[in-house]
Protein backbone atom coordinates (compact mmCIF):
# COMPACT_ATOMS: atom_id res chain seq x y z
CA UNK A 1 114.54 177.33 181.37
CA UNK A 2 113.94 180.02 179.40
CA UNK A 3 116.63 182.62 179.03
CA UNK A 4 116.67 185.97 178.00
CA UNK A 5 117.63 185.28 174.25
CA UNK A 6 114.31 182.93 174.34
CA UNK A 7 112.22 185.24 175.94
CA UNK A 8 113.98 188.17 173.10
CA UNK A 9 113.72 185.86 170.25
CA UNK A 10 109.98 185.25 171.12
CA UNK A 11 109.23 188.49 170.84
CA UNK A 12 110.98 189.52 167.84
CA UNK A 13 108.85 186.86 165.73
CA UNK A 14 105.76 187.84 167.38
CA UNK A 15 106.52 191.65 166.92
CA UNK A 16 107.38 190.10 162.78
CA UNK A 17 110.64 191.40 163.21
CA UNK A 18 112.06 188.10 162.46
CA UNK A 19 111.33 184.89 161.36
CA UNK A 20 110.61 181.97 162.94
CA UNK A 21 113.67 180.12 161.35
CA UNK A 22 116.03 183.28 161.64
CA UNK A 23 115.35 182.76 165.53
CA UNK A 24 115.81 179.37 165.41
CA UNK A 25 119.40 180.48 163.56
CA UNK A 26 120.51 182.59 166.02
CA UNK A 27 119.13 180.21 169.34
CA UNK A 28 120.81 176.83 167.47
CA UNK A 29 124.37 179.84 166.86
CA UNK A 30 124.34 180.94 170.07
CA UNK A 31 124.45 178.09 171.62
CA UNK A 32 127.27 176.32 169.33
CA UNK A 33 129.50 179.23 170.40
CA UNK A 34 128.02 178.51 173.95
CA UNK A 35 128.84 174.95 173.75
CA UNK A 36 132.52 175.55 172.10
CA UNK A 37 133.12 177.89 175.07
CA UNK A 38 133.11 175.67 177.36
CA UNK A 39 134.18 172.32 175.53
CA UNK A 40 137.55 174.98 175.44
CA UNK A 41 137.99 177.86 177.92
CA UNK A 42 141.08 179.08 177.19
CA UNK A 43 140.14 179.80 173.56
CA UNK A 44 140.89 182.92 172.30
CA UNK A 45 137.34 185.43 171.91
CA UNK A 46 137.19 188.49 170.16
CA UNK A 47 137.45 191.95 171.51
CA UNK A 48 136.41 195.49 170.84
CA UNK A 49 138.92 197.76 169.08
CA UNK A 50 139.99 199.49 171.65
CA UNK A 51 140.18 202.59 169.48
CA UNK A 52 137.11 202.69 168.68
CA UNK A 53 134.86 205.65 170.20
CA UNK A 54 132.81 205.65 173.06
CA UNK A 55 129.21 204.49 172.23
CA UNK A 56 127.19 207.48 172.14
CA UNK A 57 123.04 206.84 173.52
CA UNK A 58 121.30 206.03 170.76
CA UNK A 59 117.70 207.56 171.15
CA UNK A 60 115.09 205.74 169.98
CA UNK A 61 113.86 205.77 166.38
CA UNK A 62 111.28 207.14 165.26
CA UNK A 63 110.10 204.86 162.32
CA UNK A 64 108.82 202.22 164.64
CA UNK A 65 105.96 204.58 165.34
CA UNK A 66 105.59 205.72 162.24
CA UNK A 67 105.17 201.82 161.52
CA UNK A 68 102.97 200.77 164.43
CA UNK A 69 100.57 203.48 163.12
CA UNK A 70 100.12 202.60 159.88
CA UNK A 71 99.93 199.15 160.76
CA UNK A 72 96.97 200.49 163.34
CA UNK A 73 95.12 202.04 160.58
CA UNK A 74 95.48 199.18 158.51
CA UNK A 75 93.38 197.15 161.29
CA UNK A 76 91.49 199.46 161.71
CA UNK A 77 90.39 200.00 157.78
CA UNK A 78 89.85 196.31 157.13
CA UNK A 79 87.70 195.96 160.42
CA UNK A 80 85.41 198.99 158.89
CA UNK A 81 85.22 197.75 155.96
CA UNK A 82 83.77 194.31 157.20
CA UNK A 83 81.48 196.25 159.95
CA UNK A 84 79.81 198.23 157.51
CA UNK A 85 79.76 195.15 154.52
CA UNK A 86 78.10 193.69 157.81
CA UNK A 87 75.15 197.29 159.12
CA UNK A 88 74.58 196.78 155.32
CA UNK A 89 73.48 193.24 155.17
CA UNK A 90 71.91 192.30 158.17
CA UNK A 91 69.21 195.76 157.88
CA UNK A 92 69.07 195.76 153.92
CA UNK A 93 68.87 191.22 153.97
CA UNK A 94 65.91 190.91 153.08
CA UNK A 95 65.55 194.07 150.85
CA UNK A 96 68.07 192.72 149.02
CA UNK A 97 68.15 190.61 146.17
CA UNK A 98 70.19 188.10 145.20
CA UNK A 99 72.71 189.96 142.60
CA UNK A 100 72.67 193.14 145.63
CA UNK A 101 74.03 190.50 148.00
CA UNK A 102 76.29 188.53 145.96
CA UNK A 103 78.03 191.88 145.00
CA UNK A 104 78.25 193.24 147.87
CA UNK A 105 80.07 190.52 149.78
CA UNK A 106 82.77 190.43 146.74
CA UNK A 107 83.39 193.72 146.75
CA UNK A 108 84.18 193.65 150.24
CA UNK A 109 86.70 190.60 149.23
CA UNK A 110 88.02 192.15 146.24
CA UNK A 111 89.12 195.30 148.21
CA UNK A 112 91.08 192.89 151.09
CA UNK A 113 92.18 190.84 149.26
CA UNK A 114 93.60 193.77 146.50
CA UNK A 115 95.00 195.24 149.06
CA UNK A 116 96.58 192.26 150.88
CA UNK A 117 98.49 190.86 147.42
CA UNK A 118 99.60 194.34 147.08
CA UNK A 119 101.26 194.81 149.98
CA UNK A 120 102.56 191.12 149.98
CA UNK A 121 103.98 192.60 146.59
CA UNK A 122 105.56 195.06 147.41
CA UNK A 123 106.93 193.25 150.76
CA UNK A 124 105.78 195.19 153.39
CA UNK A 125 103.85 195.13 156.18
CA UNK A 126 103.65 190.93 156.07
CA UNK A 127 101.62 191.15 159.17
CA UNK A 128 98.41 193.47 158.10
CA UNK A 129 99.05 192.30 155.02
CA UNK A 130 98.61 188.55 156.52
CA UNK A 131 95.68 190.26 157.88
CA UNK A 132 93.89 191.64 155.10
CA UNK A 133 94.21 187.99 153.43
CA UNK A 134 92.64 186.06 156.60
CA UNK A 135 89.99 188.31 156.12
CA UNK A 136 89.57 188.32 152.80
CA UNK A 137 89.18 184.64 152.12
CA UNK A 138 86.45 184.57 154.09
CA UNK A 139 84.73 186.93 153.76
CA UNK A 140 85.19 185.54 149.64
CA UNK A 141 83.82 182.13 151.49
CA UNK A 142 81.15 184.21 152.32
CA UNK A 143 80.08 185.37 149.02
CA UNK A 144 80.54 181.75 147.22
CA UNK A 145 78.04 180.54 149.51
CA UNK A 146 75.92 183.24 149.11
CA UNK A 147 75.55 183.02 145.40
CA UNK A 148 75.26 179.66 145.09
CA UNK A 149 72.83 178.53 148.45
CA UNK A 150 72.24 175.59 149.33
CA UNK A 151 74.02 172.82 150.66
CA UNK A 152 76.21 173.14 147.12
CA UNK A 153 76.80 176.50 149.03
CA UNK A 154 77.88 175.36 152.11
CA UNK A 155 79.88 173.60 150.62
CA UNK A 156 81.87 175.53 147.71
CA UNK A 157 81.80 178.66 150.32
CA UNK A 158 84.29 176.32 152.11
CA UNK A 159 86.12 175.21 149.53
CA UNK A 160 87.32 179.04 148.06
CA UNK A 161 88.15 180.43 151.66
CA UNK A 162 90.35 177.62 152.37
CA UNK A 163 92.01 177.43 148.66
CA UNK A 164 92.48 181.78 148.95
CA UNK A 165 94.03 180.91 152.46
CA UNK A 166 96.32 178.03 151.55
CA UNK A 167 97.48 180.27 148.77
CA UNK A 168 98.31 182.81 150.95
CA UNK A 169 99.97 180.90 153.71
CA UNK A 170 102.43 179.55 150.20
CA UNK A 171 103.37 183.46 149.59
CA UNK A 172 102.39 185.26 153.36
CA UNK A 173 104.17 184.34 156.51
CA UNK A 174 101.66 186.28 158.84
CA UNK A 175 100.07 184.09 161.28
CA UNK A 176 96.33 185.42 160.43
CA UNK A 177 96.39 183.45 158.07
CA UNK A 178 96.68 180.22 159.97
CA UNK A 179 93.71 181.21 162.26
CA UNK A 180 91.83 181.74 158.81
CA UNK A 181 92.60 178.39 158.22
CA UNK A 182 91.96 176.59 161.44
CA UNK A 183 88.56 179.25 161.47
CA UNK A 184 87.99 177.91 157.57
CA UNK A 185 88.38 173.91 158.44
CA UNK A 186 86.95 173.71 161.35
CA UNK A 187 83.59 174.94 159.49
CA UNK A 188 84.62 172.07 156.40
CA UNK A 189 84.17 169.60 159.41
CA UNK A 190 81.08 171.09 160.64
CA UNK A 191 79.79 171.83 156.81
CA UNK A 192 81.09 168.26 155.61
CA UNK A 193 79.35 166.47 158.82
CA UNK A 194 76.13 167.45 158.54
CA UNK A 195 75.33 168.06 154.12
CA UNK A 196 77.26 164.72 153.62
CA UNK A 197 78.23 162.08 156.13
CA UNK A 198 75.24 162.06 158.01
CA UNK A 199 71.28 161.28 156.78
CA UNK A 200 68.31 162.49 156.57
CA UNK A 201 66.37 159.76 157.73
CA UNK A 202 66.51 161.17 161.52
CA UNK A 203 68.66 157.88 162.38
CA UNK A 204 70.56 157.76 165.74
CA UNK A 205 73.97 158.86 163.63
CA UNK A 206 77.29 158.89 165.63
CA UNK A 207 77.58 162.87 163.69
CA UNK A 208 79.35 164.15 166.77
CA UNK A 209 82.44 161.15 166.62
CA UNK A 210 82.45 162.10 162.68
CA UNK A 211 83.32 165.22 163.65
CA UNK A 212 85.28 164.50 166.14
CA UNK A 213 87.21 162.59 163.39
CA UNK A 214 87.54 165.71 161.14
CA UNK A 215 89.13 167.49 163.56
CA UNK A 216 91.60 165.65 164.63
CA UNK A 217 92.66 165.43 160.21
CA UNK A 218 92.34 169.47 161.32
CA UNK A 219 95.09 169.42 164.05
CA UNK A 220 97.10 167.12 161.75
CA UNK A 221 96.96 169.62 159.28
CA UNK A 222 97.92 172.62 161.41
CA UNK A 223 101.24 170.06 162.55
CA UNK A 224 101.79 170.26 159.12
CA UNK A 225 101.53 173.72 158.33
CA UNK A 226 103.84 174.31 162.18
CA UNK A 227 107.13 172.93 160.07
CA UNK A 228 106.74 175.68 157.64
CA UNK A 229 105.24 178.62 158.78
CA UNK A 230 104.77 180.76 162.12
CA UNK A 231 104.82 176.88 164.86
CA UNK A 232 104.12 178.22 167.79
CA UNK A 233 100.82 179.38 166.11
CA UNK A 234 100.09 176.24 163.87
CA UNK A 235 100.93 174.20 166.87
CA UNK A 236 98.92 175.55 169.28
CA UNK A 237 95.59 175.90 166.68
CA UNK A 238 96.04 172.37 166.40
CA UNK A 239 95.83 171.29 170.07
CA UNK A 240 92.49 173.72 169.41
CA UNK A 241 91.46 171.05 167.40
CA UNK A 242 92.67 168.74 169.71
CA UNK A 243 90.13 170.32 172.39
CA UNK A 244 87.19 170.65 169.81
CA UNK A 245 87.52 166.88 168.80
CA UNK A 246 87.55 165.93 172.73
CA UNK A 247 83.99 168.14 172.96
CA UNK A 248 82.33 166.48 169.55
CA UNK A 249 83.44 163.17 171.27
CA UNK A 250 82.23 164.08 175.29
CA UNK A 251 78.77 164.62 172.88
CA UNK A 252 78.33 160.74 171.49
CA UNK A 253 77.17 157.96 172.73
CA UNK A 254 79.89 156.33 174.71
CA UNK A 255 82.57 159.12 173.45
CA UNK A 256 84.01 159.40 176.94
CA UNK A 257 87.05 157.00 176.74
CA UNK A 258 87.99 158.50 173.31
CA UNK A 259 86.84 161.41 174.50
CA UNK A 260 89.86 160.42 176.76
CA UNK A 261 92.43 159.63 174.76
CA UNK A 262 92.15 162.75 172.24
CA UNK A 263 92.09 165.25 175.08
CA UNK A 264 94.74 163.13 176.49
CA UNK A 265 97.17 162.58 173.42
CA UNK A 266 97.63 166.47 172.26
CA UNK A 267 98.22 168.71 175.71
CA UNK A 268 100.79 165.59 175.95
CA UNK A 269 102.28 166.63 172.77
CA UNK A 270 101.65 170.22 173.27
CA UNK A 271 103.94 170.15 176.87
CA UNK A 272 106.47 168.65 175.28
CA UNK A 273 107.10 170.51 172.62
CA UNK A 274 106.84 173.00 175.50
CA UNK A 275 109.68 171.09 176.73
CA UNK A 276 111.64 170.94 173.96
CA UNK A 277 111.06 175.10 172.57
CA UNK A 278 109.80 176.60 175.40
CA UNK A 279 106.90 178.86 174.49
CA UNK A 280 104.73 179.67 177.10
CA UNK A 281 101.60 178.95 174.65
CA UNK A 282 102.22 175.07 174.45
CA UNK A 283 101.28 174.70 177.73
CA UNK A 284 98.96 177.26 178.56
CA UNK A 285 96.54 175.71 175.76
CA UNK A 286 98.22 171.48 177.11
CA UNK A 287 96.61 172.67 180.21
CA UNK A 288 93.58 174.49 180.12
CA UNK A 289 92.79 171.05 177.22
CA UNK A 290 93.59 168.92 180.17
CA UNK A 291 91.54 170.50 182.93
CA UNK A 292 88.97 170.71 181.29
CA UNK A 293 88.19 166.99 178.88
CA UNK A 294 89.77 165.44 181.83
CA UNK A 295 86.96 165.82 184.58
CA UNK A 296 84.64 166.42 182.34
CA UNK A 297 85.10 163.18 180.46
CA UNK A 298 85.60 161.50 184.25
CA UNK A 299 81.66 163.13 185.57
CA UNK A 300 80.42 160.98 182.52
CA UNK A 301 82.04 157.91 183.13
CA UNK A 302 81.34 157.77 186.46
CA UNK A 303 78.09 160.06 187.49
CA UNK A 304 80.73 161.54 190.24
CA UNK A 305 82.38 164.21 192.02
CA UNK A 306 84.20 161.49 193.95
CA UNK A 307 84.85 159.67 190.92
CA UNK A 308 86.33 162.75 188.75
CA UNK A 309 88.10 163.46 191.98
CA UNK A 310 90.18 159.98 193.18
CA UNK A 311 90.56 159.68 188.96
CA UNK A 312 92.34 163.09 189.16
CA UNK A 313 94.25 161.40 191.81
CA UNK A 314 94.83 158.55 190.74
CA UNK A 315 96.33 159.83 187.30
CA UNK A 316 98.72 162.69 188.87
CA UNK A 317 100.04 159.88 191.19
CA UNK A 318 100.77 157.74 187.76
CA UNK A 319 102.48 161.12 186.32
CA UNK A 320 104.41 162.46 189.24
CA UNK A 321 105.52 158.45 189.82
CA UNK A 322 106.88 157.70 186.19
CA UNK A 323 108.91 161.79 186.16
CA UNK A 324 110.39 159.85 189.44
CA UNK A 325 111.42 157.47 187.65
CA UNK A 326 112.44 158.84 184.51
CA UNK A 327 114.54 161.57 186.44
CA UNK A 328 116.20 158.52 188.46
CA UNK A 329 117.16 156.98 185.31
CA UNK A 330 119.16 159.69 183.60
CA UNK A 331 121.02 160.13 186.72
CA UNK A 332 122.35 156.89 186.67
């Protein structure tokens, strides 16, 4: 069961006050202290000095409100810049020359990445710096696509955005760059599937299966990133990648079995992580995938709602029996 300490540490990590490895170290230290106290009930515990004056009630620091205001202003500034670029390009795209299109996207990318770099160099506002960098790398990828155009432009745009996102992840710690990396990799899977791996002959191909395999690789990459960056965000996004893979397999002809396999493996991994880390995001994402993929895949296999219900009942019965057997074995 999650404790108050776990909830507080999760809140501090989400707010950017602590990093994940620091929260894990504090949790391990607390667990070790509790274990030592239970093993040796007579161990002396440190007592606070008696001559200390009574603690005075503290007033909430005003710096917190100022910090939050600065963060909000930074987010609004980045969003307004993107809104201005979007309005300018949408309203005048047909009249803008190639140079104007490239310069518009490049200018926005330079401003966003420059602001993120300055904040990162000063070691200030890591969450804001990560958010601005994630926007900037996506805009830079778009500017590259506009500059090169065509199939090569799409591939180059994804590559530029991915390189910038990778550099940001290496330098910064905010979770926004993980979200941007997931989006860039997803676009990259679709681009490579459509432009590189799918022939233009018009013959029946397994494009959806190729994309499904690509999303499995995306899940693997995000799983590895979770070992060095915000684990909750990275592994939740890995689950989203497995969900995307399952959807692709459902589209693929005769891909229902693969959809069930992928749509079960991803949630199973997330639920195991939930049992170990008690991060509710794992349980939410994992259960959501199961509730979407299993009924859909079973309906495509059986073409009958009764078959879907029977399949779900059988699956739930197998899982509950497994729980009972494992619980009994552990108690013995």
